[in-house]
């Protein structure tokens, strides 16, 4: 079962990504290390596979 967009956002915020806002259903997150990611979709929507993969990748990049 796919995760929800809100779960991806919660995971990013726990890793100290900051929500810089966005337009419409888009949210731009940045990390102090310079890593950036945009998440699109409403909070209750199912996350797409590529979104889950991208969040995991960006979290790993922020740890370097």
C-alpha atoms as a PDB file:
ATOM      1  CA  UNK A   1       0.000   0.000   0.000  1.00  0.00           C
ATOM      2  CA  UNK A   2       1.527   3.368  -0.990  1.00  0.00           C
ATOM      3  CA  UNK A   3       2.363   5.911   1.652  1.00  0.00           C
ATOM      4  CA  UNK A   4       0.568   9.246   1.821  1.00  0.00           C
ATOM      5  CA  UNK A   5       2.055  12.605   0.847  1.00  0.00           C
ATOM      6  CA  UNK A   6       1.720  13.738   4.480  1.00  0.00           C
ATOM      7  CA  UNK A   7       3.979  10.852   5.559  1.00  0.00           C
ATOM      8  CA  UNK A   8       6.691  11.919   3.116  1.00  0.00           C
ATOM      9  CA  UNK A   9       6.454  15.497   4.379  1.00  0.00           C
ATOM     10  CA  UNK A  10       6.650  14.339   8.005  1.00  0.00           C
ATOM     11  CA  UNK A  11       9.757  12.310   7.206  1.00  0.00           C
ATOM     12  CA  UNK A  12      11.419  15.309   5.524  1.00  0.00           C
ATOM     13  CA  UNK A  13      10.590  17.581   8.473  1.00  0.00           C
ATOM     14  CA  UNK A  14      12.029  15.042  10.927  1.00  0.00           C
ATOM     15  CA  UNK A  15      15.276  15.170   8.948  1.00  0.00           C
ATOM     16  CA  UNK A  16      15.314  18.977   9.388  1.00  0.00           C
ATOM     17  CA  UNK A  17      14.142  19.937   5.899  1.00  0.00           C
ATOM     18  CA  UNK A  18      12.394  23.318   5.913  1.00  0.00           C
ATOM     19  CA  UNK A  19       9.165  23.915   3.980  1.00  0.00           C
ATOM     20  CA  UNK A  20       9.708  27.034   1.876  1.00  0.00           C
ATOM     21  CA  UNK A  21       6.157  27.088   0.566  1.00  0.00           C
ATOM     22  CA  UNK A  22       5.044  26.644  -2.988  1.00  0.00           C
ATOM     23  CA  UNK A  23       2.263  27.252  -5.433  1.00  0.00           C
ATOM     24  CA  UNK A  24      -0.889  25.168  -5.436  1.00  0.00           C
ATOM     25  CA  UNK A  25      -0.239  21.622  -4.269  1.00  0.00           C
ATOM     26  CA  UNK A  26       3.549  21.975  -4.558  1.00  0.00           C
ATOM     27  CA  UNK A  27       5.823  22.301  -1.524  1.00  0.00           C
ATOM     28  CA  UNK A  28       9.501  23.198  -1.749  1.00  0.00           C
ATOM     29  CA  UNK A  29      11.813  21.839   0.933  1.00  0.00           C
ATOM     30  CA  UNK A  30      15.418  22.795   1.556  1.00  0.00           C
ATOM     31  CA  UNK A  31      18.053  21.438   3.905  1.00  0.00           C
ATOM     32  CA  UNK A  32      20.899  23.427   5.436  1.00  0.00           C
ATOM     33  CA  UNK A  33      23.318  21.273   3.401  1.00  0.00           C
ATOM     34  CA  UNK A  34      21.831  22.740   0.217  1.00  0.00           C
ATOM     35  CA  UNK A  35      19.701  19.757  -0.792  1.00  0.00           C
ATOM     36  CA  UNK A  36      16.355  20.739  -2.330  1.00  0.00           C
ATOM     37  CA  UNK A  37      13.212  18.753  -3.187  1.00  0.00           C
ATOM     38  CA  UNK A  38       9.709  19.595  -4.384  1.00  0.00           C
ATOM     39  CA  UNK A  39       6.749  17.452  -3.323  1.00  0.00           C
ATOM     40  CA  UNK A  40       3.491  17.765  -5.232  1.00  0.00           C
ATOM     41  CA  UNK A  41       0.048  16.490  -4.283  1.00  0.00           C
ATOM     42  CA  UNK A  42      -2.535  16.991  -1.595  1.00  0.00           C
ATOM     43  CA  UNK A  43      -1.778  15.676   1.886  1.00  0.00           C
ATOM     44  CA  UNK A  44      -4.225  12.754   1.643  1.00  0.00           C
ATOM     45  CA  UNK A  45      -3.101  11.603  -1.805  1.00  0.00           C
ATOM     46  CA  UNK A  46      -1.138   8.408  -2.284  1.00  0.00           C
ATOM     47  CA  UNK A  47       2.523   9.108  -2.977  1.00  0.00           C
ATOM     48  CA  UNK A  48       3.823   7.968  -6.332  1.00  0.00           C
ATOM     49  CA  UNK A  49       6.705   5.487  -6.391  1.00  0.00           C
ATOM     50  CA  UNK A  50       9.073   8.086  -7.841  1.00  0.00           C
ATOM     51  CA  UNK A  51       8.211  10.505  -5.005  1.00  0.00           C
ATOM     52  CA  UNK A  52       9.047   7.947  -2.329  1.00  0.00           C
ATOM     53  CA  UNK A  53      12.305   7.093  -4.111  1.00  0.00           C
ATOM     54  CA  UNK A  54      13.235  10.787  -4.478  1.00  0.00           C
ATOM     55  CA  UNK A  55      12.573  11.540  -0.782  1.00  0.00           C
ATOM     56  CA  UNK A  56      14.769   8.611   0.270  1.00  0.00           C
ATOM     57  CA  UNK A  57      17.527   9.779  -2.098  1.00  0.00           C
ATOM     58  CA  UNK A  58      17.428  13.401  -0.882  1.00  0.00           C
ATOM     59  CA  UNK A  59      17.535  12.339   2.777  1.00  0.00           C
ATOM     60  CA  UNK A  60      20.653  10.288   2.046  1.00  0.00           C
ATOM     61  CA  UNK A  61      22.234  13.267   0.239  1.00  0.00           C
ATOM     62  CA  UNK A  62      21.532  15.546   3.213  1.00  0.00           C
ATOM     63  CA  UNK A  63      23.459  13.205   5.549  1.00  0.00           C
ATOM     64  CA  UNK A  64      26.715  13.618   3.586  1.00  0.00           C
END
